[in-house]
Amino acid sequence: MKLKPLADRVILKMTEVEETTKSGIILTGSAKEKPSVAEVISVGPGGLVDGKEVTMTVKPGDKVITSKYSGTEVKLDKEELIIVRQSDILAIVE
């Protein structure tokens, strides 16, 4: 099965959280926060959204930073993905 985003939606795959801090402290499950860096898997066509023209600025393969609790989580073929609006993406990591 494959997902195809519509309008200004973007499908993201969250990156793994590091298990240890830079100083070597191992984090327990409760101390971890939801990661905010993700990889763009698929991008919608853009177009007219809520009466405004939207041009898509991200592309598959980009690493992006998203709003902390944005999007809709979807599980597809044992893979966890998140569908967000392009406006929920805060920055592209270069």
PDB file of N, CA and C in Angstrom:
ATOM      1  N   MET A   1       0.847  -1.173   0.000  1.00  0.00           N
ATOM      2  CA  MET A   1       0.000   0.000   0.000  1.00  0.00           C
ATOM      3  C   MET A   1       0.898   1.244   0.000  1.00  0.00           C
ATOM      4  N   LYS A   2       0.450   2.291  -0.668  1.00  0.00           N
ATOM      5  CA  LYS A   2       1.217   3.516  -0.773  1.00  0.00           C
ATOM      6  C   LYS A   2       0.328   4.714  -0.462  1.00  0.00           C
ATOM      7  N   LEU A   3       0.885   5.708   0.211  1.00  0.00           N
ATOM      8  CA  LEU A   3       0.137   6.928   0.525  1.00  0.00           C
ATOM      9  C   LEU A   3       0.494   8.023  -0.469  1.00  0.00           C
ATOM     10  N   LYS A   4      -0.524   8.751  -0.921  1.00  0.00           N
ATOM     11  CA  LYS A   4      -0.318   9.889  -1.810  1.00  0.00           C
ATOM     12  C   LYS A   4      -0.983  11.091  -1.147  1.00  0.00           C
ATOM     13  N   PRO A   5      -0.181  12.051  -0.664  1.00  0.00           N
ATOM     14  CA  PRO A   5      -0.774  13.204   0.017  1.00  0.00           C
ATOM     15  C   PRO A   5      -1.528  14.110  -0.952  1.00  0.00           C
ATOM     16  N   LEU A   6      -2.559  14.762  -0.436  1.00  0.00           N
ATOM     17  CA  LEU A   6      -3.365  15.682  -1.227  1.00  0.00           C
ATOM     18  C   LEU A   6      -3.075  17.122  -0.820  1.00  0.00           C
ATOM     19  N   ALA A   7      -3.347  18.045  -1.706  1.00  0.00           N
ATOM     20  CA  ALA A   7      -3.233  19.493  -1.463  1.00  0.00           C
ATOM     21  C   ALA A   7      -1.867  19.843  -0.886  1.00  0.00           C
ATOM     22  N   ASP A   8      -1.847  20.507   0.280  1.00  0.00           N
ATOM     23  CA  ASP A   8      -0.579  20.979   0.861  1.00  0.00           C
ATOM     24  C   ASP A   8      -0.054  20.023   1.941  1.00  0.00           C
ATOM     25  N   ARG A   9      -0.434  18.757   1.866  1.00  0.00           N
ATOM     26  CA  ARG A   9      -0.003  17.786   2.873  1.00  0.00           C
ATOM     27  C   ARG A   9       1.360  17.193   2.508  1.00  0.00           C
ATOM     28  N   VAL A  10       2.102  16.793   3.546  1.00  0.00           N
ATOM     29  CA  VAL A  10       3.425  16.202   3.393  1.00  0.00           C
ATOM     30  C   VAL A  10       3.478  14.964   4.284  1.00  0.00           C
ATOM     31  N   ILE A  11       4.027  13.861   3.768  1.00  0.00           N
ATOM     32  CA  ILE A  11       4.190  12.648   4.571  1.00  0.00           C
ATOM     33  C   ILE A  11       5.631  12.607   5.068  1.00  0.00           C
ATOM     34  N   LEU A  12       5.783  12.437   6.392  1.00  0.00           N
ATOM     35  CA  LEU A  12       7.096  12.456   7.035  1.00  0.00           C
ATOM     36  C   LEU A  12       7.362  11.147   7.758  1.00  0.00           C
ATOM     37  N   LYS A  13       8.634  10.798   7.837  1.00  0.00           N
ATOM     38  CA  LYS A  13       9.079   9.678   8.665  1.00  0.00           C
ATOM     39  C   LYS A  13      10.013  10.273   9.707  1.00  0.00           C
ATOM     40  N   MET A  14       9.633  10.127  10.981  1.00  0.00           N
ATOM     41  CA  MET A  14      10.424  10.710  12.049  1.00  0.00           C
ATOM     42  C   MET A  14      11.760   9.987  12.165  1.00  0.00           C
ATOM     43  N   THR A  15      12.824  10.740  12.498  1.00  0.00           N
ATOM     44  CA  THR A  15      14.136  10.141  12.675  1.00  0.00           C
ATOM     45  C   THR A  15      14.244   9.575  14.078  1.00  0.00           C
ATOM     46  N   GLU A  16      15.147   8.641  14.257  1.00  0.00           N
ATOM     47  CA  GLU A  16      15.326   7.997  15.560  1.00  0.00           C
ATOM     48  C   GLU A  16      15.963   8.961  16.553  1.00  0.00           C
ATOM     49  N   VAL A  17      15.531   8.860  17.809  1.00  0.00           N
ATOM     50  CA  VAL A  17      16.078   9.678  18.884  1.00  0.00           C
ATOM     51  C   VAL A  17      17.324   8.990  19.411  1.00  0.00           C
ATOM     52  N   GLU A  18      18.371   9.768  19.685  1.00  0.00           N
ATOM     53  CA  GLU A  18      19.581   9.199  20.254  1.00  0.00           C
ATOM     54  C   GLU A  18      19.300   8.663  21.645  1.00  0.00           C
ATOM     55  N   GLU A  19      19.898   7.529  21.959  1.00  0.00           N
ATOM     56  CA  GLU A  19      19.687   6.895  23.253  1.00  0.00           C
ATOM     57  C   GLU A  19      20.541   7.519  24.353  1.00  0.00           C
ATOM     58  N   THR A  20      21.635   8.194  23.978  1.00  0.00           N
ATOM     59  CA  THR A  20      22.510   8.815  24.980  1.00  0.00           C
ATOM     60  C   THR A  20      22.725  10.279  24.640  1.00  0.00           C
ATOM     61  N   THR A  21      23.022  11.073  25.665  1.00  0.00           N
ATOM     62  CA  THR A  21      23.318  12.484  25.445  1.00  0.00           C
ATOM     63  C   THR A  21      24.773  12.621  25.016  1.00  0.00           C
ATOM     64  N   LYS A  22      25.195  13.819  24.624  1.00  0.00           N
ATOM     65  CA  LYS A  22      26.579  14.051  24.221  1.00  0.00           C
ATOM     66  C   LYS A  22      27.562  13.758  25.341  1.00  0.00           C
ATOM     67  N   SER A  23      27.131  13.952  26.577  1.00  0.00           N
ATOM     68  CA  SER A  23      28.016  13.695  27.711  1.00  0.00           C
ATOM     69  C   SER A  23      28.014  12.223  28.126  1.00  0.00           C
ATOM     70  N   GLY A  24      27.245  11.378  27.427  1.00  0.00           N
ATOM     71  CA  GLY A  24      27.255   9.947  27.693  1.00  0.00           C
ATOM     72  C   GLY A  24      26.164   9.460  28.615  1.00  0.00           C
ATOM     73  N   ILE A  25      25.228  10.313  28.996  1.00  0.00           N
ATOM     74  CA  ILE A  25      24.125   9.909  29.878  1.00  0.00           C
ATOM     75  C   ILE A  25      23.087   9.163  29.057  1.00  0.00           C
ATOM     76  N   ILE A  26      22.708   7.977  29.500  1.00  0.00           N
ATOM     77  CA  ILE A  26      21.713   7.168  28.797  1.00  0.00           C
ATOM     78  C   ILE A  26      20.325   7.622  29.229  1.00  0.00           C
ATOM     79  N   LEU A  27      19.467   7.881  28.252  1.00  0.00           N
ATOM     80  CA  LEU A  27      18.116   8.345  28.535  1.00  0.00           C
ATOM     81  C   LEU A  27      17.164   7.171  28.661  1.00  0.00           C
ATOM     82  N   THR A  28      16.304   7.212  29.655  1.00  0.00           N
ATOM     83  CA  THR A  28      15.266   6.196  29.792  1.00  0.00           C
ATOM     84  C   THR A  28      14.109   6.555  28.878  1.00  0.00           C
ATOM     85  N   GLY A  29      13.191   5.621  28.698  1.00  0.00           N
ATOM     86  CA  GLY A  29      12.045   5.854  27.822  1.00  0.00           C
ATOM     87  C   GLY A  29      11.220   7.052  28.218  1.00  0.00           C
ATOM     88  N   SER A  30      11.063   7.311  29.518  1.00  0.00           N
ATOM     89  CA  SER A  30      10.234   8.425  29.968  1.00  0.00           C
ATOM     90  C   SER A  30      10.937   9.770  29.821  1.00  0.00           C
ATOM     91  N   ALA A  31      12.264   9.767  29.701  1.00  0.00           N
ATOM     92  CA  ALA A  31      13.011  11.023  29.601  1.00  0.00           C
ATOM     93  C   ALA A  31      13.106  11.512  28.161  1.00  0.00           C
ATOM     94  N   LYS A  32      12.750  10.667  27.202  1.00  0.00           N
ATOM     95  CA  LYS A  32      12.856  11.049  25.792  1.00  0.00           C
ATOM     96  C   LYS A  32      11.677  11.913  25.391  1.00  0.00           C
ATOM     97  N   GLU A  33      11.946  12.851  24.512  1.00  0.00           N
ATOM     98  CA  GLU A  33      10.874  13.664  23.945  1.00  0.00           C
ATOM     99  C   GLU A  33      10.623  13.202  22.523  1.00  0.00           C
ATOM    100  N   LYS A  34       9.451  13.516  22.037  1.00  0.00           N
ATOM    101  CA  LYS A  34       9.135  13.211  20.650  1.00  0.00           C
ATOM    102  C   LYS A  34      10.106  13.971  19.755  1.00  0.00           C
ATOM    103  N   PRO A  35      10.751  13.301  18.797  1.00  0.00           N
ATOM    104  CA  PRO A  35      11.702  13.999  17.931  1.00  0.00           C
ATOM    105  C   PRO A  35      10.976  14.987  17.026  1.00  0.00           C
ATOM    106  N   SER A  36      11.660  16.044  16.660  1.00  0.00           N
ATOM    107  CA  SER A  36      11.028  17.025  15.784  1.00  0.00           C
ATOM    108  C   SER A  36      11.691  17.061  14.413  1.00  0.00           C
ATOM    109  N   VAL A  37      12.733  16.252  14.190  1.00  0.00           N
ATOM    110  CA  VAL A  37      13.388  16.183  12.889  1.00  0.00           C
ATOM    111  C   VAL A  37      12.845  14.976  12.145  1.00  0.00           C
ATOM    112  N   ALA A  38      12.476  15.189  10.880  1.00  0.00           N
ATOM    113  CA  ALA A  38      11.883  14.116  10.086  1.00  0.00           C
ATOM    114  C   ALA A  38      12.398  14.179   8.655  1.00  0.00           C
ATOM    115  N   GLU A  39      12.221  13.065   7.947  1.00  0.00           N
ATOM    116  CA  GLU A  39      12.563  13.008   6.533  1.00  0.00           C
ATOM    117  C   GLU A  39      11.280  13.053   5.719  1.00  0.00           C
ATOM    118  N   VAL A  40      11.271  13.867   4.670  1.00  0.00           N
ATOM    119  CA  VAL A  40      10.099  13.973   3.794  1.00  0.00           C
ATOM    120  C   VAL A  40      10.051  12.735   2.903  1.00  0.00           C
ATOM    121  N   ILE A  41       8.934  12.022   2.943  1.00  0.00           N
ATOM    122  CA  ILE A  41       8.736  10.821   2.136  1.00  0.00           C
ATOM    123  C   ILE A  41       7.981  11.149   0.852  1.00  0.00           C
ATOM    124  N   SER A  42       6.928  11.956   0.967  1.00  0.00           N
ATOM    125  CA  SER A  42       6.090  12.280  -0.177  1.00  0.00           C
ATOM    126  C   SER A  42       5.467  13.662   0.021  1.00  0.00           C
ATOM    127  N   VAL A  43       5.226  14.358  -1.092  1.00  0.00           N
ATOM    128  CA  VAL A  43       4.700  15.726  -1.046  1.00  0.00           C
ATOM    129  C   VAL A  43       3.476  15.837  -1.943  1.00  0.00           C
ATOM    130  N   GLY A  44       2.444  16.514  -1.443  1.00  0.00           N
ATOM    131  CA  GLY A  44       1.243  16.756  -2.230  1.00  0.00           C
ATOM    132  C   GLY A  44       1.505  17.767  -3.334  1.00  0.00           C
ATOM    133  N   PRO A  45       0.540  17.950  -4.226  1.00  0.00           N
ATOM    134  CA  PRO A  45       0.729  18.841  -5.372  1.00  0.00           C
ATOM    135  C   PRO A  45       0.619  20.330  -5.064  1.00  0.00           C
ATOM    136  N   GLY A  46       0.138  20.697  -3.883  1.00  0.00           N
ATOM    137  CA  GLY A  46      -0.082  22.117  -3.589  1.00  0.00           C
ATOM    138  C   GLY A  46      -1.374  22.562  -4.232  1.00  0.00           C
ATOM    139  N   GLY A  47      -1.378  23.759  -4.797  1.00  0.00           N
ATOM    140  CA  GLY A  47      -2.577  24.248  -5.467  1.00  0.00           C
ATOM    141  C   GLY A  47      -3.384  25.178  -4.586  1.00  0.00           C
ATOM    142  N   LEU A  48      -4.668  25.252  -4.842  1.00  0.00           N
ATOM    143  CA  LEU A  48      -5.565  26.143  -4.117  1.00  0.00           C
ATOM    144  C   LEU A  48      -6.011  25.491  -2.808  1.00  0.00           C
ATOM    145  N   VAL A  49      -5.610  26.081  -1.672  1.00  0.00           N
ATOM    146  CA  VAL A  49      -5.965  25.558  -0.349  1.00  0.00           C
ATOM    147  C   VAL A  49      -6.571  26.697   0.452  1.00  0.00           C
ATOM    148  N   ASP A  50      -7.799  26.530   0.913  1.00  0.00           N
ATOM    149  CA  ASP A  50      -8.516  27.558   1.676  1.00  0.00           C
ATOM    150  C   ASP A  50      -8.528  28.901   0.954  1.00  0.00           C
ATOM    151  N   GLY A  51      -8.689  28.869  -0.366  1.00  0.00           N
ATOM    152  CA  GLY A  51      -8.777  30.084  -1.156  1.00  0.00           C
ATOM    153  C   GLY A  51      -7.452  30.756  -1.463  1.00  0.00           C
ATOM    154  N   LYS A  52      -6.341  30.144  -1.072  1.00  0.00           N
ATOM    155  CA  LYS A  52      -5.018  30.723  -1.331  1.00  0.00           C
ATOM    156  C   LYS A  52      -4.171  29.732  -2.120  1.00  0.00           C
ATOM    157  N   GLU A  53      -3.358  30.247  -3.020  1.00  0.00           N
ATOM    158  CA  GLU A  53      -2.469  29.415  -3.819  1.00  0.00           C
ATOM    159  C   GLU A  53      -1.284  28.979  -2.965  1.00  0.00           C
ATOM    160  N   VAL A  54      -1.012  27.665  -2.896  1.00  0.00           N
ATOM    161  CA  VAL A  54       0.092  27.125  -2.104  1.00  0.00           C
ATOM    162  C   VAL A  54       1.092  26.465  -3.047  1.00  0.00           C
ATOM    163  N   THR A  55       2.355  26.900  -2.964  1.00  0.00           N
ATOM    164  CA  THR A  55       3.434  26.297  -3.727  1.00  0.00           C
ATOM    165  C   THR A  55       4.255  25.443  -2.774  1.00  0.00           C
ATOM    166  N   MET A  56       4.479  24.211  -3.120  1.00  0.00           N
ATOM    167  CA  MET A  56       5.218  23.303  -2.247  1.00  0.00           C
ATOM    168  C   MET A  56       6.722  23.611  -2.329  1.00  0.00           C
ATOM    169  N   THR A  57       7.338  23.806  -1.163  1.00  0.00           N
ATOM    170  CA  THR A  57       8.758  24.164  -1.118  1.00  0.00           C
ATOM    171  C   THR A  57       9.642  23.026  -0.629  1.00  0.00           C
ATOM    172  N   VAL A  58       9.039  21.951  -0.122  1.00  0.00           N
ATOM    173  CA  VAL A  58       9.830  20.792   0.306  1.00  0.00           C
ATOM    174  C   VAL A  58       9.722  19.713  -0.754  1.00  0.00           C
ATOM    175  N   LYS A  59      10.687  18.800  -0.747  1.00  0.00           N
ATOM    176  CA  LYS A  59      10.688  17.699  -1.709  1.00  0.00           C
ATOM    177  C   LYS A  59      11.097  16.415  -1.006  1.00  0.00           C
ATOM    178  N   PRO A  60      10.757  15.254  -1.555  1.00  0.00           N
ATOM    179  CA  PRO A  60      11.144  13.987  -0.926  1.00  0.00           C
ATOM    180  C   PRO A  60      12.655  13.931  -0.700  1.00  0.00           C
ATOM    181  N   GLY A  61      13.044  13.445   0.473  1.00  0.00           N
ATOM    182  CA  GLY A  61      14.452  13.351   0.837  1.00  0.00           C
ATOM    183  C   GLY A  61      14.930  14.483   1.731  1.00  0.00           C
ATOM    184  N   ASP A  62      14.179  15.602   1.776  1.00  0.00           N
ATOM    185  CA  ASP A  62      14.560  16.726   2.645  1.00  0.00           C
ATOM    186  C   ASP A  62      14.447  16.320   4.110  1.00  0.00           C
ATOM    187  N   LYS A  63      15.345  16.840   4.944  1.00  0.00           N
ATOM    188  CA  LYS A  63      15.232  16.704   6.400  1.00  0.00           C
ATOM    189  C   LYS A  63      14.596  17.998   6.887  1.00  0.00           C
ATOM    190  N   VAL A  64      13.551  17.883   7.692  1.00  0.00           N
ATOM    191  CA  VAL A  64      12.807  19.060   8.139  1.00  0.00           C
ATOM    192  C   VAL A  64      12.584  19.024   9.645  1.00  0.00           C
ATOM    193  N   ILE A  65      12.298  20.190  10.210  1.00  0.00           N
ATOM    194  CA  ILE A  65      11.910  20.314  11.607  1.00  0.00           C
ATOM    195  C   ILE A  65      10.444  20.699  11.626  1.00  0.00           C
ATOM    196  N   THR A  66       9.664  19.964  12.417  1.00  0.00           N
ATOM    197  CA  THR A  66       8.224  20.202  12.471  1.00  0.00           C
ATOM    198  C   THR A  66       7.804  20.746  13.824  1.00  0.00           C
ATOM    199  N   SER A  67       6.591  21.241  13.878  1.00  0.00           N
ATOM    200  CA  SER A  67       6.006  21.619  15.151  1.00  0.00           C
ATOM    201  C   SER A  67       5.934  20.368  16.020  1.00  0.00           C
ATOM    202  N   LYS A  68       6.080  20.533  17.307  1.00  0.00           N
ATOM    203  CA  LYS A  68       6.238  19.393  18.211  1.00  0.00           C
ATOM    204  C   LYS A  68       5.099  18.376  18.161  1.00  0.00           C
ATOM    205  N   TYR A  69       3.857  18.800  18.231  1.00  0.00           N
ATOM    206  CA  TYR A  69       2.739  17.860  18.273  1.00  0.00           C
ATOM    207  C   TYR A  69       1.814  18.009  17.068  1.00  0.00           C
ATOM    208  N   SER A  70       2.377  18.291  15.918  1.00  0.00           N
ATOM    209  CA  SER A  70       1.554  18.499  14.724  1.00  0.00           C
ATOM    210  C   SER A  70       1.347  17.193  13.967  1.00  0.00           C
ATOM    211  N   GLY A  71       0.352  17.190  13.126  1.00  0.00           N
ATOM    212  CA  GLY A  71       0.134  16.088  12.206  1.00  0.00           C
ATOM    213  C   GLY A  71      -0.725  14.960  12.713  1.00  0.00           C
ATOM    214  N   THR A  72      -0.950  14.019  11.812  1.00  0.00           N
ATOM    215  CA  THR A  72      -1.729  12.824  12.089  1.00  0.00           C
ATOM    216  C   THR A  72      -0.833  11.617  11.909  1.00  0.00           C
ATOM    217  N   GLU A  73      -0.722  10.802  12.959  1.00  0.00           N
ATOM    218  CA  GLU A  73       0.128   9.616  12.884  1.00  0.00           C
ATOM    219  C   GLU A  73      -0.607   8.494  12.166  1.00  0.00           C
ATOM    220  N   VAL A  74       0.119   7.805  11.267  1.00  0.00           N
ATOM    221  CA  VAL A  74      -0.437   6.717  10.476  1.00  0.00           C
ATOM    222  C   VAL A  74       0.558   5.562  10.506  1.00  0.00           C
ATOM    223  N   LYS A  75       0.060   4.343  10.653  1.00  0.00           N
ATOM    224  CA  LYS A  75       0.922   3.166  10.603  1.00  0.00           C
ATOM    225  C   LYS A  75       0.618   2.430   9.307  1.00  0.00           C
ATOM    226  N   LEU A  76       1.642   2.249   8.467  1.00  0.00           N
ATOM    227  CA  LEU A  76       1.474   1.628   7.162  1.00  0.00           C
ATOM    228  C   LEU A  76       2.593   0.627   6.948  1.00  0.00           C
ATOM    229  N   ASP A  77       2.252  -0.636   6.758  1.00  0.00           N
ATOM    230  CA  ASP A  77       3.249  -1.700   6.575  1.00  0.00           C
ATOM    231  C   ASP A  77       4.299  -1.693   7.680  1.00  0.00           C
ATOM    232  N   LYS A  78       3.855  -1.620   8.927  1.00  0.00           N
ATOM    233  CA  LYS A  78       4.711  -1.626  10.126  1.00  0.00           C
ATOM    234  C   LYS A  78       5.654  -0.424  10.190  1.00  0.00           C
ATOM    235  N   GLU A  79       5.347   0.627   9.460  1.00  0.00           N
ATOM    236  CA  GLU A  79       6.155   1.840   9.451  1.00  0.00           C
ATOM    237  C   GLU A  79       5.287   2.994   9.954  1.00  0.00           C
ATOM    238  N   GLU A  80       5.812   3.753  10.909  1.00  0.00           N
ATOM    239  CA  GLU A  80       5.055   4.880  11.453  1.00  0.00           C
ATOM    240  C   GLU A  80       5.373   6.144  10.669  1.00  0.00           C
ATOM    241  N   LEU A  81       4.336   6.757  10.128  1.00  0.00           N
ATOM    242  CA  LEU A  81       4.461   7.969   9.330  1.00  0.00           C
ATOM    243  C   LEU A  81       3.581   9.049   9.931  1.00  0.00           C
ATOM    244  N   ILE A  82       3.869  10.297   9.589  1.00  0.00           N
ATOM    245  CA  ILE A  82       3.063  11.419  10.039  1.00  0.00           C
ATOM    246  C   ILE A  82       2.673  12.253   8.827  1.00  0.00           C
ATOM    247  N   ILE A  83       1.403  12.616   8.759  1.00  0.00           N
ATOM    248  CA  ILE A  83       0.920  13.482   7.687  1.00  0.00           C
ATOM    249  C   ILE A  83       0.700  14.865   8.280  1.00  0.00           C
ATOM    250  N   VAL A  84       1.398  15.868   7.725  1.00  0.00           N
ATOM    251  CA  VAL A  84       1.291  17.247   8.213  1.00  0.00           C
ATOM    252  C   VAL A  84       1.009  18.183   7.044  1.00  0.00           C
ATOM    253  N   ARG A  85       0.519  19.356   7.369  1.00  0.00           N
ATOM    254  CA  ARG A  85       0.401  20.416   6.363  1.00  0.00           C
ATOM    255  C   ARG A  85       1.787  21.050   6.205  1.00  0.00           C
ATOM    256  N   GLN A  86       2.064  21.574   5.025  1.00  0.00           N
ATOM    257  CA  GLN A  86       3.357  22.210   4.814  1.00  0.00           C
ATOM    258  C   GLN A  86       3.583  23.344   5.815  1.00  0.00           C
ATOM    259  N   SER A  87       2.523  24.014   6.232  1.00  0.00           N
ATOM    260  CA  SER A  87       2.650  25.132   7.177  1.00  0.00           C
ATOM    261  C   SER A  87       3.096  24.669   8.572  1.00  0.00           C
ATOM    262  N   ASP A  88       2.989  23.344   8.877  1.00  0.00           N
ATOM    263  CA  ASP A  88       3.472  22.814  10.152  1.00  0.00           C
ATOM    264  C   ASP A  88       4.972  22.555  10.138  1.00  0.00           C
ATOM    265  N   ILE A  89       5.594  22.646   8.966  1.00  0.00           N
ATOM    266  CA  ILE A  89       7.040  22.463   8.866  1.00  0.00           C
ATOM    267  C   ILE A  89       7.699  23.803   9.140  1.00  0.00           C
ATOM    268  N   LEU A  90       8.600  23.813  10.123  1.00  0.00           N
ATOM    269  CA  LEU A  90       9.224  25.056  10.543  1.00  0.00           C
ATOM    270  C   LEU A  90      10.482  25.398   9.771  1.00  0.00           C
ATOM    271  N   ALA A  91      11.274  24.381   9.370  1.00  0.00           N
ATOM    272  CA  ALA A  91      12.532  24.650   8.679  1.00  0.00           C
ATOM    273  C   ALA A  91      13.008  23.414   7.937  1.00  0.00           C
ATOM    274  N   ILE A  92      13.865  23.628   6.937  1.00  0.00           N
ATOM    275  CA  ILE A  92      14.538  22.542   6.237  1.00  0.00           C
ATOM    276  C   ILE A  92      15.961  22.493   6.773  1.00  0.00           C
ATOM    277  N   VAL A  93      16.418  21.304   7.163  1.00  0.00           N
ATOM    278  CA  VAL A  93      17.772  21.135   7.697  1.00  0.00           C
ATOM    279  C   VAL A  93      18.711  20.914   6.524  1.00  0.00           C
ATOM    280  N   GLU A  94      19.755  21.754   6.422  1.00  0.00           N
ATOM    281  CA  GLU A  94      20.727  21.615   5.330  1.00  0.00           C
ATOM    282  C   GLU A  94      22.046  21.102   5.848  1.00  0.00           C
TER     283      GLU A  94
END
